[in-house]
Amino acid sequence: MHRLRVPITALTALAATFAFAACGGDSGGDEDPEQVLRATFDNDAEVSSGVFEVSLDVEAEGGSDPGTLSVSIGGPFQSGEGGVPLFDVTAEADVDSTEQQFEGDAGFISTGDTAYVSFQGSDYELPAEVFAQFERGFLDSQDEQESDNVLPSLGVNPSSWLTDLSNEGTEDVEGTETIQISGQADVPDLVADLRTIADNIPEAAQQLSPADLSQLEQLTGIIKSADFNIYSGADDEILRKLEADIELDPPDASGGAESVDINFAITLSELNEPQTISAPPGAQPLSTLLEQFGVDPSQLGGLGAIGGGSSSGSSPSGGSAAGTAYLDCIAQAQDASALAQCQGLAEQ
């Protein structure tokens, strides 16, 4: 579904806006919706553990390649006492269009001192050198973050572009009573915040080409509507859930879909409750996975001893950015060709 590239690029940035940071309900609440919104997104309360879930559903109609895309990612997380946090994340993806069908899942586990990739039901331990690069990248990002509240540190203020606010009353979100605030996005202000994210996150700035940034600006004329629901903890004003329903009206000249509907949601639960995250039993060295696809582990020398043994001598080259990109590449690879392409990242 390559014709969905414009909305997917935008939703990646939109997800970054909120990623760093049921049933029944009543007919409305007394709390001022704007005050609830500001208190939620300006909240400095520390969250050290919990369970998160992110979902993205895209449906494109008309054009030469109509279809659907569904992606979900989530799992428990726990702070790492000054180091890499513990987490057990599972990702699932399903693409069904005229030109492409795909269904798969993968996982990534961190125990704080090592990490594992899950692929097609089996677990593989990452080499110590690769994890060390990941750890350095994480600690560097923590040092650069001036505020515990991510959105203000990025120059992002959702309350500035959400309009027509309404207090919909209380709603249960995974066992927590929340106040539901609904609203619509002022599209130009929303796009301005997306651009701010791209400018303020170095990793995003490196990965987004000028053409990608131009696509963000084009969204002002493409977004037909953007409805949001924010669920804030009734007792602590911590964000528990965010839902976005976005309709796109692509220009006729694009040659792509005639309409695109996007549903995006983030849910946070079990906040500051202990989470059990442990190493998967029977994990194999990552080299076992690479060899299954005909990739020679020795050719990935830039990331150290892929074969699983300890190494001596100089530290691996490439820095934390290369290590993180390599981890992402391995986790997303679906065949031998994709794994082979990860080799280039290892050698940087």
C-alpha atoms as a PDB file:
ATOM      1  CA  MET A   1       0.000   0.000   0.000  1.00  0.00           C
ATOM      2  CA  HIS A   2       2.683   2.456  -1.025  1.00  0.00           C
ATOM      3  CA  ARG A   3       0.068   5.052  -1.930  1.00  0.00           C
ATOM      4  CA  LEU A   4      -0.656   5.543   1.775  1.00  0.00           C
ATOM      5  CA  ARG A   5       2.799   7.014   2.353  1.00  0.00           C
ATOM      6  CA  VAL A   6       1.591  10.556   3.014  1.00  0.00           C
ATOM      7  CA  PRO A   7      -0.794   9.660   5.863  1.00  0.00           C
ATOM      8  CA  ILE A   8       1.574   7.062   7.324  1.00  0.00           C
ATOM      9  CA  THR A   9       4.434   9.577   7.487  1.00  0.00           C
ATOM     10  CA  ALA A  10       2.153  12.038   9.203  1.00  0.00           C
ATOM     11  CA  LEU A  11       0.786   9.478  11.660  1.00  0.00           C
ATOM     12  CA  THR A  12       4.320   8.520  12.647  1.00  0.00           C
ATOM     13  CA  ALA A  13       4.865  12.090  13.741  1.00  0.00           C
ATOM     14  CA  LEU A  14       1.417  12.252  15.313  1.00  0.00           C
ATOM     15  CA  ALA A  15       2.156   9.115  17.335  1.00  0.00           C
ATOM     16  CA  ALA A  16       5.354  10.716  18.585  1.00  0.00           C
ATOM     17  CA  THR A  17       3.275  13.618  19.900  1.00  0.00           C
ATOM     18  CA  PHE A  18       1.585  11.407  22.468  1.00  0.00           C
ATOM     19  CA  ALA A  19       3.862   8.384  22.813  1.00  0.00           C
ATOM     20  CA  PHE A  20       6.291  10.222  24.987  1.00  0.00           C
ATOM     21  CA  ALA A  21       4.339  11.443  27.567  1.00  0.00           C
ATOM     22  CA  ALA A  22     -14.320   0.333  28.317  1.00  0.00           C
ATOM     23  CA  CYS A  23     -17.738   0.726  28.859  1.00  0.00           C
ATOM     24  CA  GLY A  24     -20.381   2.981  30.298  1.00  0.00           C
ATOM     25  CA  GLY A  25     -20.220   6.668  31.071  1.00  0.00           C
ATOM     26  CA  ASP A  26     -22.388   9.494  32.254  1.00  0.00           C
ATOM     27  CA  SER A  27     -23.960  12.307  30.293  1.00  0.00           C
ATOM     28  CA  GLY A  28     -21.425  15.002  31.142  1.00  0.00           C
ATOM     29  CA  GLY A  29     -19.207  16.399  33.882  1.00  0.00           C
ATOM     30  CA  ASP A  30     -18.814  19.712  35.704  1.00  0.00           C
ATOM     31  CA  GLU A  31     -15.055  20.070  35.180  1.00  0.00           C
ATOM     32  CA  ASP A  32     -14.003  22.705  32.671  1.00  0.00           C
ATOM     33  CA  PRO A  33     -12.754  20.727  29.638  1.00  0.00           C
ATOM     34  CA  GLU A  34      -9.974  23.183  28.818  1.00  0.00           C
ATOM     35  CA  GLN A  35      -8.644  23.053  32.373  1.00  0.00           C
ATOM     36  CA  VAL A  36      -8.738  19.240  32.351  1.00  0.00           C
ATOM     37  CA  LEU A  37      -6.853  19.206  29.064  1.00  0.00           C
ATOM     38  CA  ARG A  38      -4.158  21.603  30.237  1.00  0.00           C
ATOM     39  CA  ALA A  39      -3.739  19.786  33.551  1.00  0.00           C
ATOM     40  CA  THR A  40      -3.338  16.491  31.711  1.00  0.00           C
ATOM     41  CA  PHE A  41      -0.714  17.581  29.207  1.00  0.00           C
ATOM     42  CA  ASP A  42       1.166  19.778  31.706  1.00  0.00           C
ATOM     43  CA  ASN A  43       1.209  16.991  34.303  1.00  0.00           C
ATOM     44  CA  ASP A  44       4.675  16.370  35.775  1.00  0.00           C
ATOM     45  CA  ALA A  45       3.658  13.238  37.698  1.00  0.00           C
ATOM     46  CA  GLU A  46       6.249  10.480  37.373  1.00  0.00           C
ATOM     47  CA  VAL A  47       5.197   7.230  35.718  1.00  0.00           C
ATOM     48  CA  SER A  48       7.716   4.468  36.432  1.00  0.00           C
ATOM     49  CA  SER A  49       5.777   1.412  35.259  1.00  0.00           C
ATOM     50  CA  GLY A  50       2.613   0.247  33.577  1.00  0.00           C
ATOM     51  CA  VAL A  51       1.187  -1.294  30.445  1.00  0.00           C
ATOM     52  CA  PHE A  52       0.800   0.558  27.168  1.00  0.00           C
ATOM     53  CA  GLU A  53      -1.026  -0.235  23.948  1.00  0.00           C
ATOM     54  CA  VAL A  54      -0.872   1.667  20.669  1.00  0.00           C
ATOM     55  CA  SER A  55      -3.111   0.848  17.725  1.00  0.00           C
ATOM     56  CA  LEU A  56      -3.330   2.256  14.217  1.00  0.00           C
ATOM     57  CA  ASP A  57      -5.979   1.340  11.661  1.00  0.00           C
ATOM     58  CA  VAL A  58      -6.005   2.826   8.171  1.00  0.00           C
ATOM     59  CA  GLU A  59      -8.619   2.237   5.483  1.00  0.00           C
ATOM     60  CA  ALA A  60      -8.143   3.574   1.959  1.00  0.00           C
ATOM     61  CA  GLU A  61     -11.020   3.581  -0.497  1.00  0.00           C
ATOM     62  CA  GLY A  62     -10.969   4.132  -4.238  1.00  0.00           C
ATOM     63  CA  GLY A  63      -7.939   4.571  -6.435  1.00  0.00           C
ATOM     64  CA  SER A  64      -5.814   1.775  -7.826  1.00  0.00           C
ATOM     65  CA  ASP A  65      -4.809   0.217  -4.502  1.00  0.00           C
ATOM     66  CA  PRO A  66      -7.617   0.329  -1.907  1.00  0.00           C
ATOM     67  CA  GLY A  67      -7.123  -1.640   1.278  1.00  0.00           C
ATOM     68  CA  THR A  68      -6.537  -1.665   5.000  1.00  0.00           C
ATOM     69  CA  LEU A  69      -3.598  -1.471   7.375  1.00  0.00           C
ATOM     70  CA  SER A  70      -3.748  -2.495  11.043  1.00  0.00           C
ATOM     71  CA  VAL A  71      -0.833  -2.141  13.429  1.00  0.00           C
ATOM     72  CA  SER A  72      -0.734  -2.703  17.181  1.00  0.00           C
ATOM     73  CA  ILE A  73       2.141  -2.547  19.625  1.00  0.00           C
ATOM     74  CA  GLY A  74       2.195  -2.786  23.386  1.00  0.00           C
ATOM     75  CA  GLY A  75       3.166  -4.517  26.593  1.00  0.00           C
ATOM     76  CA  PRO A  76       4.394  -3.909  30.147  1.00  0.00           C
ATOM     77  CA  PHE A  77       7.239  -1.558  31.054  1.00  0.00           C
ATOM     78  CA  GLN A  78       9.217  -0.782  34.216  1.00  0.00           C
ATOM     79  CA  SER A  79      11.868   1.864  34.887  1.00  0.00           C
ATOM     80  CA  GLY A  80      15.418   0.573  35.024  1.00  0.00           C
ATOM     81  CA  GLU A  81      16.719   2.459  38.091  1.00  0.00           C
ATOM     82  CA  GLY A  82      18.930   4.804  36.114  1.00  0.00           C
ATOM     83  CA  GLY A  83      19.544   2.445  33.210  1.00  0.00           C
ATOM     84  CA  VAL A  84      17.614   0.961  30.323  1.00  0.00           C
ATOM     85  CA  PRO A  85      13.982   0.290  31.282  1.00  0.00           C
ATOM     86  CA  LEU A  86      12.527  -3.189  31.320  1.00  0.00           C
ATOM     87  CA  PHE A  87       9.817  -3.905  28.771  1.00  0.00           C
ATOM     88  CA  ASP A  88       8.170  -6.752  26.891  1.00  0.00           C
ATOM     89  CA  VAL A  89       6.718  -5.345  23.691  1.00  0.00           C
ATOM     90  CA  THR A  90       4.787  -7.253  21.048  1.00  0.00           C
ATOM     91  CA  ALA A  91       3.959  -5.784  17.643  1.00  0.00           C
ATOM     92  CA  GLU A  92       1.456  -7.097  15.110  1.00  0.00           C
ATOM     93  CA  ALA A  93       0.769  -5.869  11.590  1.00  0.00           C
ATOM     94  CA  ASP A  94      -1.807  -6.770   8.959  1.00  0.00           C
ATOM     95  CA  VAL A  95      -1.866  -5.296   5.450  1.00  0.00           C
ATOM     96  CA  ASP A  96      -4.573  -6.189   2.955  1.00  0.00           C
ATOM     97  CA  SER A  97      -4.703  -4.320  -0.333  1.00  0.00           C
ATOM     98  CA  THR A  98      -4.920  -4.957  -4.046  1.00  0.00           C
ATOM     99  CA  GLU A  99      -1.138  -4.944  -4.418  1.00  0.00           C
ATOM    100  CA  GLN A 100       0.000  -6.386  -1.091  1.00  0.00           C
ATOM    101  CA  GLN A 101      -1.051  -8.834   1.607  1.00  0.00           C
ATOM    102  CA  PHE A 102       0.983  -9.256   4.754  1.00  0.00           C
ATOM    103  CA  GLU A 103       0.433 -10.500   8.289  1.00  0.00           C
ATOM    104  CA  GLY A 104       3.114 -10.870  10.920  1.00  0.00           C
ATOM    105  CA  ASP A 105       4.247 -10.245  14.456  1.00  0.00           C
ATOM    106  CA  ALA A 106       7.479  -9.623  16.308  1.00  0.00           C
ATOM    107  CA  GLY A 107       8.616  -8.774  19.800  1.00  0.00           C
ATOM    108  CA  PHE A 108      11.356  -6.982  21.685  1.00  0.00           C
ATOM    109  CA  ILE A 109      12.211  -7.670  25.332  1.00  0.00           C
ATOM    110  CA  SER A 110      14.575  -5.762  27.613  1.00  0.00           C
ATOM    111  CA  THR A 111      15.524  -7.058  31.048  1.00  0.00           C
ATOM    112  CA  GLY A 112      17.576  -3.946  31.799  1.00  0.00           C
ATOM    113  CA  ASP A 113      20.911  -5.606  31.136  1.00  0.00           C
ATOM    114  CA  THR A 114      20.241  -7.513  27.918  1.00  0.00           C
ATOM    115  CA  ALA A 115      17.635  -7.688  25.169  1.00  0.00           C
ATOM    116  CA  TYR A 116      15.885 -10.250  23.015  1.00  0.00           C
ATOM    117  CA  VAL A 117      14.154 -10.249  19.649  1.00  0.00           C
ATOM    118  CA  SER A 118      11.125 -12.481  19.087  1.00  0.00           C
ATOM    119  CA  PHE A 119      10.575 -13.711  15.541  1.00  0.00           C
ATOM    120  CA  GLN A 120       7.968 -16.221  14.377  1.00  0.00           C
ATOM    121  CA  GLY A 121       7.511 -17.676  17.856  1.00  0.00           C
ATOM    122  CA  SER A 122      11.198 -18.018  18.780  1.00  0.00           C
ATOM    123  CA  ASP A 123      13.399 -15.772  20.934  1.00  0.00           C
ATOM    124  CA  TYR A 124      16.940 -14.645  20.142  1.00  0.00           C
ATOM    125  CA  GLU A 125      19.382 -12.895  22.462  1.00  0.00           C
ATOM    126  CA  LEU A 126      21.129  -9.797  21.173  1.00  0.00           C
ATOM    127  CA  PRO A 127      24.906  -9.623  21.597  1.00  0.00           C
ATOM    128  CA  ALA A 128      26.204  -7.642  24.552  1.00  0.00           C
ATOM    129  CA  GLU A 129      27.857  -5.147  22.205  1.00  0.00           C
ATOM    130  CA  VAL A 130      24.577  -4.366  20.480  1.00  0.00           C
ATOM    131  CA  PHE A 131      22.781  -3.891  23.786  1.00  0.00           C
ATOM    132  CA  ALA A 132      25.584  -1.614  24.987  1.00  0.00           C
ATOM    133  CA  GLN A 133      25.008   0.636  21.981  1.00  0.00           C
ATOM    134  CA  PHE A 134      21.279   0.659  22.665  1.00  0.00           C
ATOM    135  CA  GLU A 135      21.955   1.542  26.310  1.00  0.00           C
ATOM    136  CA  ARG A 136      24.267   4.417  25.398  1.00  0.00           C
ATOM    137  CA  GLY A 137      21.669   5.806  23.021  1.00  0.00           C
ATOM    138  CA  PHE A 138      18.964   5.639  25.672  1.00  0.00           C
ATOM    139  CA  LEU A 139      21.087   7.291  28.366  1.00  0.00           C
ATOM    140  CA  ASP A 140      22.173  10.031  25.956  1.00  0.00           C
ATOM    141  CA  SER A 141      18.550  10.780  25.113  1.00  0.00           C
ATOM    142  CA  GLN A 142      17.727  11.011  28.833  1.00  0.00           C
ATOM    143  CA  ASP A 143      20.571  13.466  29.400  1.00  0.00           C
ATOM    144  CA  GLU A 144      19.363  15.669  26.538  1.00  0.00           C
ATOM    145  CA  GLN A 145      15.766  15.739  27.806  1.00  0.00           C
ATOM    146  CA  GLU A 146      15.404  18.858  29.926  1.00  0.00           C
ATOM    147  CA  SER A 147      11.965  18.025  31.291  1.00  0.00           C
ATOM    148  CA  ASP A 148      10.229  14.904  32.536  1.00  0.00           C
ATOM    149  CA  ASN A 149       7.171  16.086  30.620  1.00  0.00           C
ATOM    150  CA  VAL A 150       8.043  15.255  27.031  1.00  0.00           C
ATOM    151  CA  LEU A 151       5.485  17.340  25.166  1.00  0.00           C
ATOM    152  CA  PRO A 152       6.512  20.750  26.572  1.00  0.00           C
ATOM    153  CA  SER A 153      10.175  19.848  26.077  1.00  0.00           C
ATOM    154  CA  LEU A 154       9.396  19.385  22.373  1.00  0.00           C
ATOM    155  CA  GLY A 155       7.526  22.664  22.148  1.00  0.00           C
ATOM    156  CA  VAL A 156       4.231  20.812  21.691  1.00  0.00           C
ATOM    157  CA  ASN A 157       0.979  21.970  23.275  1.00  0.00           C
ATOM    158  CA  PRO A 158      -2.087  19.893  22.250  1.00  0.00           C
ATOM    159  CA  SER A 159      -4.429  22.210  24.131  1.00  0.00           C
ATOM    160  CA  SER A 160      -3.507  24.955  21.657  1.00  0.00           C
ATOM    161  CA  TRP A 161      -4.964  23.121  18.659  1.00  0.00           C
ATOM    162  CA  LEU A 162      -7.908  21.227  20.146  1.00  0.00           C
ATOM    163  CA  THR A 163     -11.149  23.184  19.765  1.00  0.00           C
ATOM    164  CA  ASP A 164     -14.877  22.668  20.401  1.00  0.00           C
ATOM    165  CA  LEU A 165     -14.004  20.969  23.689  1.00  0.00           C
ATOM    166  CA  SER A 166     -16.695  19.090  25.581  1.00  0.00           C
ATOM    167  CA  ASN A 167     -16.702  17.235  28.900  1.00  0.00           C
ATOM    168  CA  GLU A 168     -18.372  13.913  28.103  1.00  0.00           C
ATOM    169  CA  GLY A 169     -18.392  12.745  31.727  1.00  0.00           C
ATOM    170  CA  THR A 170     -16.598   9.842  33.370  1.00  0.00           C
ATOM    171  CA  GLU A 171     -15.473   6.686  31.616  1.00  0.00           C
ATOM    172  CA  ASP A 172     -13.766   3.521  32.821  1.00  0.00           C
ATOM    173  CA  VAL A 173     -10.428   2.862  31.121  1.00  0.00           C
ATOM    174  CA  GLU A 174      -8.889  -0.467  32.087  1.00  0.00           C
ATOM    175  CA  GLY A 175     -10.233  -0.204  35.638  1.00  0.00           C
ATOM    176  CA  THR A 176      -9.465   3.487  36.191  1.00  0.00           C
ATOM    177  CA  GLU A 177     -12.113   6.210  36.344  1.00  0.00           C
ATOM    178  CA  THR A 178     -11.313   8.948  33.859  1.00  0.00           C
ATOM    179  CA  ILE A 179     -12.787  12.197  32.610  1.00  0.00           C
ATOM    180  CA  GLN A 180     -13.455  12.076  28.876  1.00  0.00           C
ATOM    181  CA  ILE A 181     -12.808  15.262  26.914  1.00  0.00           C
ATOM    182  CA  SER A 182     -13.755  15.392  23.243  1.00  0.00           C
ATOM    183  CA  GLY A 183     -12.661  17.957  20.694  1.00  0.00           C
ATOM    184  CA  GLN A 184     -11.675  18.683  17.125  1.00  0.00           C
ATOM    185  CA  ALA A 185      -8.256  19.659  15.871  1.00  0.00           C
ATOM    186  CA  ASP A 186      -7.536  23.008  14.307  1.00  0.00           C
ATOM    187  CA  VAL A 187      -5.659  21.535  11.363  1.00  0.00           C
ATOM    188  CA  PRO A 188      -3.074  24.288  10.678  1.00  0.00           C
ATOM    189  CA  ASP A 189      -2.076  24.391  14.359  1.00  0.00           C
ATOM    190  CA  LEU A 190      -1.923  20.584  14.488  1.00  0.00           C
ATOM    191  CA  VAL A 191       0.359  20.453  11.448  1.00  0.00           C
ATOM    192  CA  ALA A 192       2.547  23.139  12.994  1.00  0.00           C
ATOM    193  CA  ASP A 193       3.027  20.932  16.072  1.00  0.00           C
ATOM    194  CA  LEU A 194       3.891  17.940  13.875  1.00  0.00           C
ATOM    195  CA  ARG A 195       6.570  20.032  12.213  1.00  0.00           C
ATOM    196  CA  THR A 196       7.829  21.119  15.634  1.00  0.00           C
ATOM    197  CA  ILE A 197       8.270  17.469  16.610  1.00  0.00           C
ATOM    198  CA  ALA A 198      10.213  16.746  13.440  1.00  0.00           C
ATOM    199  CA  ASP A 199      12.473  19.737  14.115  1.00  0.00           C
ATOM    200  CA  ASN A 200      13.074  18.978  17.807  1.00  0.00           C
ATOM    201  CA  ILE A 201      13.725  15.226  17.676  1.00  0.00           C
ATOM    202  CA  PRO A 202      17.149  14.594  16.102  1.00  0.00           C
ATOM    203  CA  GLU A 203      16.283  11.033  15.090  1.00  0.00           C
ATOM    204  CA  ALA A 204      13.157  12.223  13.281  1.00  0.00           C
ATOM    205  CA  ALA A 205      15.022  15.048  11.583  1.00  0.00           C
ATOM    206  CA  GLN A 206      17.606  12.587  10.277  1.00  0.00           C
ATOM    207  CA  GLN A 207      15.027  10.146   8.918  1.00  0.00           C
ATOM    208  CA  LEU A 208      12.621  12.661   7.354  1.00  0.00           C
ATOM    209  CA  SER A 209      13.722  13.937   3.970  1.00  0.00           C
ATOM    210  CA  PRO A 210      12.758  17.403   2.678  1.00  0.00           C
ATOM    211  CA  ALA A 211      10.044  15.658   0.671  1.00  0.00           C
ATOM    212  CA  ASP A 212       8.679  14.070   3.867  1.00  0.00           C
ATOM    213  CA  LEU A 213       8.621  17.436   5.626  1.00  0.00           C
ATOM    214  CA  SER A 214       6.845  18.898   2.618  1.00  0.00           C
ATOM    215  CA  GLN A 215       4.218  16.178   2.969  1.00  0.00           C
ATOM    216  CA  LEU A 216       3.521  17.373   6.514  1.00  0.00           C
ATOM    217  CA  GLU A 217       2.746  20.831   5.172  1.00  0.00           C
ATOM    218  CA  GLN A 218       0.427  19.323   2.555  1.00  0.00           C
ATOM    219  CA  LEU A 219      -1.722  17.848   5.319  1.00  0.00           C
ATOM    220  CA  THR A 220      -3.318  21.237   5.910  1.00  0.00           C
ATOM    221  CA  GLY A 221      -5.242  20.814   2.673  1.00  0.00           C
ATOM    222  CA  ILE A 222      -5.722  17.048   2.961  1.00  0.00           C
ATOM    223  CA  ILE A 223      -7.134  16.565   6.469  1.00  0.00           C
ATOM    224  CA  LYS A 224     -10.919  16.741   6.178  1.00  0.00           C
ATOM    225  CA  SER A 225     -11.591  16.257   9.888  1.00  0.00           C
ATOM    226  CA  ALA A 226      -9.707  15.235  13.027  1.00  0.00           C
ATOM    227  CA  ASP A 227     -11.743  14.262  16.083  1.00  0.00           C
ATOM    228  CA  PHE A 228     -10.048  13.483  19.394  1.00  0.00           C
ATOM    229  CA  ASN A 229     -11.049  11.939  22.712  1.00  0.00           C
ATOM    230  CA  ILE A 230      -8.751  12.356  25.711  1.00  0.00           C
ATOM    231  CA  TYR A 231      -9.278  10.332  28.884  1.00  0.00           C
ATOM    232  CA  SER A 232      -7.630  11.860  31.961  1.00  0.00           C
ATOM    233  CA  GLY A 233      -7.397  10.156  35.347  1.00  0.00           C
ATOM    234  CA  ALA A 234     -10.136  11.543  37.584  1.00  0.00           C
ATOM    235  CA  ASP A 235      -7.852  11.421  40.636  1.00  0.00           C
ATOM    236  CA  ASP A 236      -4.382  12.132  39.219  1.00  0.00           C
ATOM    237  CA  GLU A 237      -4.963  13.926  35.861  1.00  0.00           C
ATOM    238  CA  ILE A 238      -2.598  11.503  34.106  1.00  0.00           C
ATOM    239  CA  LEU A 239      -3.391  10.621  30.502  1.00  0.00           C
ATOM    240  CA  ARG A 240      -4.937   7.143  30.364  1.00  0.00           C
ATOM    241  CA  LYS A 241      -6.171   7.046  26.788  1.00  0.00           C
ATOM    242  CA  LEU A 242      -6.157   9.093  23.626  1.00  0.00           C
ATOM    243  CA  GLU A 243      -8.233   8.360  20.536  1.00  0.00           C
ATOM    244  CA  ALA A 244      -7.987  10.085  17.169  1.00  0.00           C
ATOM    245  CA  ASP A 245     -10.324   9.651  14.212  1.00  0.00           C
ATOM    246  CA  ILE A 246      -8.914  11.393  11.153  1.00  0.00           C
ATOM    247  CA  GLU A 247     -10.424  11.643   7.683  1.00  0.00           C
ATOM    248  CA  LEU A 248      -8.200  12.508   4.733  1.00  0.00           C
ATOM    249  CA  ASP A 249      -9.344  13.799   1.366  1.00  0.00           C
ATOM    250  CA  PRO A 250      -6.336  13.285  -0.954  1.00  0.00           C
ATOM    251  CA  PRO A 251      -6.106  15.559  -3.990  1.00  0.00           C
ATOM    252  CA  ASP A 252      -7.405  14.104  -7.247  1.00  0.00           C
ATOM    253  CA  ALA A 253      -4.042  14.676  -8.893  1.00  0.00           C
ATOM    254  CA  SER A 254      -2.305  12.294  -6.463  1.00  0.00           C
ATOM    255  CA  GLY A 255      -3.573   9.224  -8.306  1.00  0.00           C
ATOM    256  CA  GLY A 256      -3.987   7.456  -4.974  1.00  0.00           C
ATOM    257  CA  ALA A 257      -6.937   6.692  -2.739  1.00  0.00           C
ATOM    258  CA  GLU A 258     -10.074   8.780  -2.990  1.00  0.00           C
ATOM    259  CA  SER A 259     -10.496   8.819   0.795  1.00  0.00           C
ATOM    260  CA  VAL A 260      -8.523   7.615   3.805  1.00  0.00           C
ATOM    261  CA  ASP A 261      -9.836   6.996   7.331  1.00  0.00           C
ATOM    262  CA  ILE A 262      -7.319   6.742  10.164  1.00  0.00           C
ATOM    263  CA  ASN A 263      -8.058   5.563  13.691  1.00  0.00           C
ATOM    264  CA  PHE A 264      -5.260   5.935  16.224  1.00  0.00           C
ATOM    265  CA  ALA A 265      -5.320   5.137  19.943  1.00  0.00           C
ATOM    266  CA  ILE A 266      -2.949   5.030  22.920  1.00  0.00           C
ATOM    267  CA  THR A 267      -3.970   3.373  26.188  1.00  0.00           C
ATOM    268  CA  LEU A 268      -2.028   3.418  29.472  1.00  0.00           C
ATOM    269  CA  SER A 269      -2.985   1.177  32.384  1.00  0.00           C
ATOM    270  CA  GLU A 270      -1.610  -0.275  35.641  1.00  0.00           C
ATOM    271  CA  LEU A 271       0.441   2.888  36.101  1.00  0.00           C
ATOM    272  CA  ASN A 272       3.121   2.695  38.800  1.00  0.00           C
ATOM    273  CA  GLU A 273       2.179  -0.896  39.566  1.00  0.00           C
ATOM    274  CA  PRO A 274       4.962  -3.543  39.631  1.00  0.00           C
ATOM    275  CA  GLN A 275       5.392  -5.355  36.315  1.00  0.00           C
ATOM    276  CA  THR A 276       6.914  -8.808  35.899  1.00  0.00           C
ATOM    277  CA  ILE A 277       9.362  -8.810  32.982  1.00  0.00           C
ATOM    278  CA  SER A 278      11.907 -11.591  32.640  1.00  0.00           C
ATOM    279  CA  ALA A 279      14.191 -13.150  30.070  1.00  0.00           C
ATOM    280  CA  PRO A 280      12.426 -15.634  27.779  1.00  0.00           C
ATOM    281  CA  PRO A 281      13.454 -19.247  28.459  1.00  0.00           C
ATOM    282  CA  GLY A 282      15.459 -21.078  25.840  1.00  0.00           C
ATOM    283  CA  ALA A 283      16.552 -17.992  23.911  1.00  0.00           C
ATOM    284  CA  GLN A 284      19.057 -18.701  21.143  1.00  0.00           C
ATOM    285  CA  PRO A 285      21.937 -16.494  19.960  1.00  0.00           C
ATOM    286  CA  LEU A 286      20.959 -13.984  17.304  1.00  0.00           C
ATOM    287  CA  SER A 287      23.412 -15.699  14.973  1.00  0.00           C
ATOM    288  CA  THR A 288      21.013 -18.661  14.811  1.00  0.00           C
ATOM    289  CA  LEU A 289      18.321 -16.450  13.302  1.00  0.00           C
ATOM    290  CA  LEU A 290      20.713 -14.795  10.880  1.00  0.00           C
ATOM    291  CA  GLU A 291      22.059 -18.113   9.661  1.00  0.00           C
ATOM    292  CA  GLN A 292      18.520 -19.340   8.947  1.00  0.00           C
ATOM    293  CA  PHE A 293      18.309 -16.620   6.323  1.00  0.00           C
ATOM    294  CA  GLY A 294      21.749 -17.202   4.906  1.00  0.00           C
ATOM    295  CA  VAL A 295      23.316 -14.160   6.560  1.00  0.00           C
ATOM    296  CA  ASP A 296      26.909 -14.668   7.717  1.00  0.00           C
ATOM    297  CA  PRO A 297      27.158 -13.270  11.293  1.00  0.00           C
ATOM    298  CA  SER A 298      30.890 -12.656  10.871  1.00  0.00           C
ATOM    299  CA  GLN A 299      30.098 -10.042   8.216  1.00  0.00           C
ATOM    300  CA  LEU A 300      28.334  -7.933  10.843  1.00  0.00           C
ATOM    301  CA  GLY A 301      31.602  -7.141  12.564  1.00  0.00           C
ATOM    302  CA  GLY A 302      30.664  -3.537  13.230  1.00  0.00           C
ATOM    303  CA  LEU A 303      28.353  -4.769  15.986  1.00  0.00           C
ATOM    304  CA  GLY A 304      30.783  -7.121  17.651  1.00  0.00           C
ATOM    305  CA  ALA A 305      30.431 -10.773  18.588  1.00  0.00           C
ATOM    306  CA  ILE A 306      27.114 -11.700  16.997  1.00  0.00           C
ATOM    307  CA  GLY A 307      27.950 -15.320  17.555  1.00  0.00           C
ATOM    308  CA  GLY A 308      27.249 -14.900  21.257  1.00  0.00           C
ATOM    309  CA  GLY A 309      30.739 -15.029  22.765  1.00  0.00           C
ATOM    310  CA  SER A 310      32.428 -12.234  24.646  1.00  0.00           C
ATOM    311  CA  SER A 311      34.797  -9.988  22.751  1.00  0.00           C
ATOM    312  CA  SER A 312      37.920  -8.091  23.639  1.00  0.00           C
ATOM    313  CA  GLY A 313      39.689  -5.115  22.171  1.00  0.00           C
ATOM    314  CA  SER A 314      38.138  -1.939  20.896  1.00  0.00           C
ATOM    315  CA  SER A 315      34.486  -1.098  21.278  1.00  0.00           C
ATOM    316  CA  PRO A 316      32.185  -1.543  18.303  1.00  0.00           C
ATOM    317  CA  SER A 317      31.980   1.265  15.787  1.00  0.00           C
ATOM    318  CA  GLY A 318      28.946   3.151  14.606  1.00  0.00           C
ATOM    319  CA  GLY A 319      27.663   4.629  17.860  1.00  0.00           C
ATOM    320  CA  SER A 320      24.296   4.383  19.501  1.00  0.00           C
ATOM    321  CA  ALA A 321      22.287   5.581  16.498  1.00  0.00           C
ATOM    322  CA  ALA A 322      23.585   2.753  14.316  1.00  0.00           C
ATOM    323  CA  GLY A 323      22.907   0.193  17.034  1.00  0.00           C
ATOM    324  CA  THR A 324      19.349   1.382  17.513  1.00  0.00           C
ATOM    325  CA  ALA A 325      18.704   1.404  13.762  1.00  0.00           C
ATOM    326  CA  TYR A 326      20.090  -2.122  13.530  1.00  0.00           C
ATOM    327  CA  LEU A 327      17.782  -3.357  16.301  1.00  0.00           C
ATOM    328  CA  ASP A 328      14.801  -1.826  14.546  1.00  0.00           C
ATOM    329  CA  CYS A 329      15.845  -3.378  11.243  1.00  0.00           C
ATOM    330  CA  ILE A 330      16.219  -6.877  12.699  1.00  0.00           C
ATOM    331  CA  ALA A 331      12.889  -6.663  14.523  1.00  0.00           C
ATOM    332  CA  GLN A 332      11.052  -5.662  11.357  1.00  0.00           C
ATOM    333  CA  ALA A 333      12.774  -8.038   8.920  1.00  0.00           C
ATOM    334  CA  GLN A 334      10.493 -10.647   7.406  1.00  0.00           C
ATOM    335  CA  ASP A 335      12.778 -12.508   5.002  1.00  0.00           C
ATOM    336  CA  ALA A 336      16.402 -13.131   4.067  1.00  0.00           C
ATOM    337  CA  SER A 337      16.583 -10.111   1.797  1.00  0.00           C
ATOM    338  CA  ALA A 338      15.380  -7.791   4.557  1.00  0.00           C
ATOM    339  CA  LEU A 339      17.859  -9.241   7.048  1.00  0.00           C
ATOM    340  CA  ALA A 340      20.673  -8.842   4.555  1.00  0.00           C
ATOM    341  CA  GLN A 341      19.856  -5.152   4.231  1.00  0.00           C
ATOM    342  CA  CYS A 342      20.387  -4.771   7.984  1.00  0.00           C
ATOM    343  CA  GLN A 343      24.047  -5.591   7.417  1.00  0.00           C
ATOM    344  CA  GLY A 344      24.650  -2.145   5.975  1.00  0.00           C
ATOM    345  CA  LEU A 345      23.497  -0.569   9.233  1.00  0.00           C
ATOM    346  CA  ALA A 346      25.868  -2.781  11.186  1.00  0.00           C
ATOM    347  CA  GLU A 347      28.835  -1.638   9.134  1.00  0.00           C
ATOM    348  CA  GLN A 348      28.213   2.094   9.543  1.00  0.00           C
END
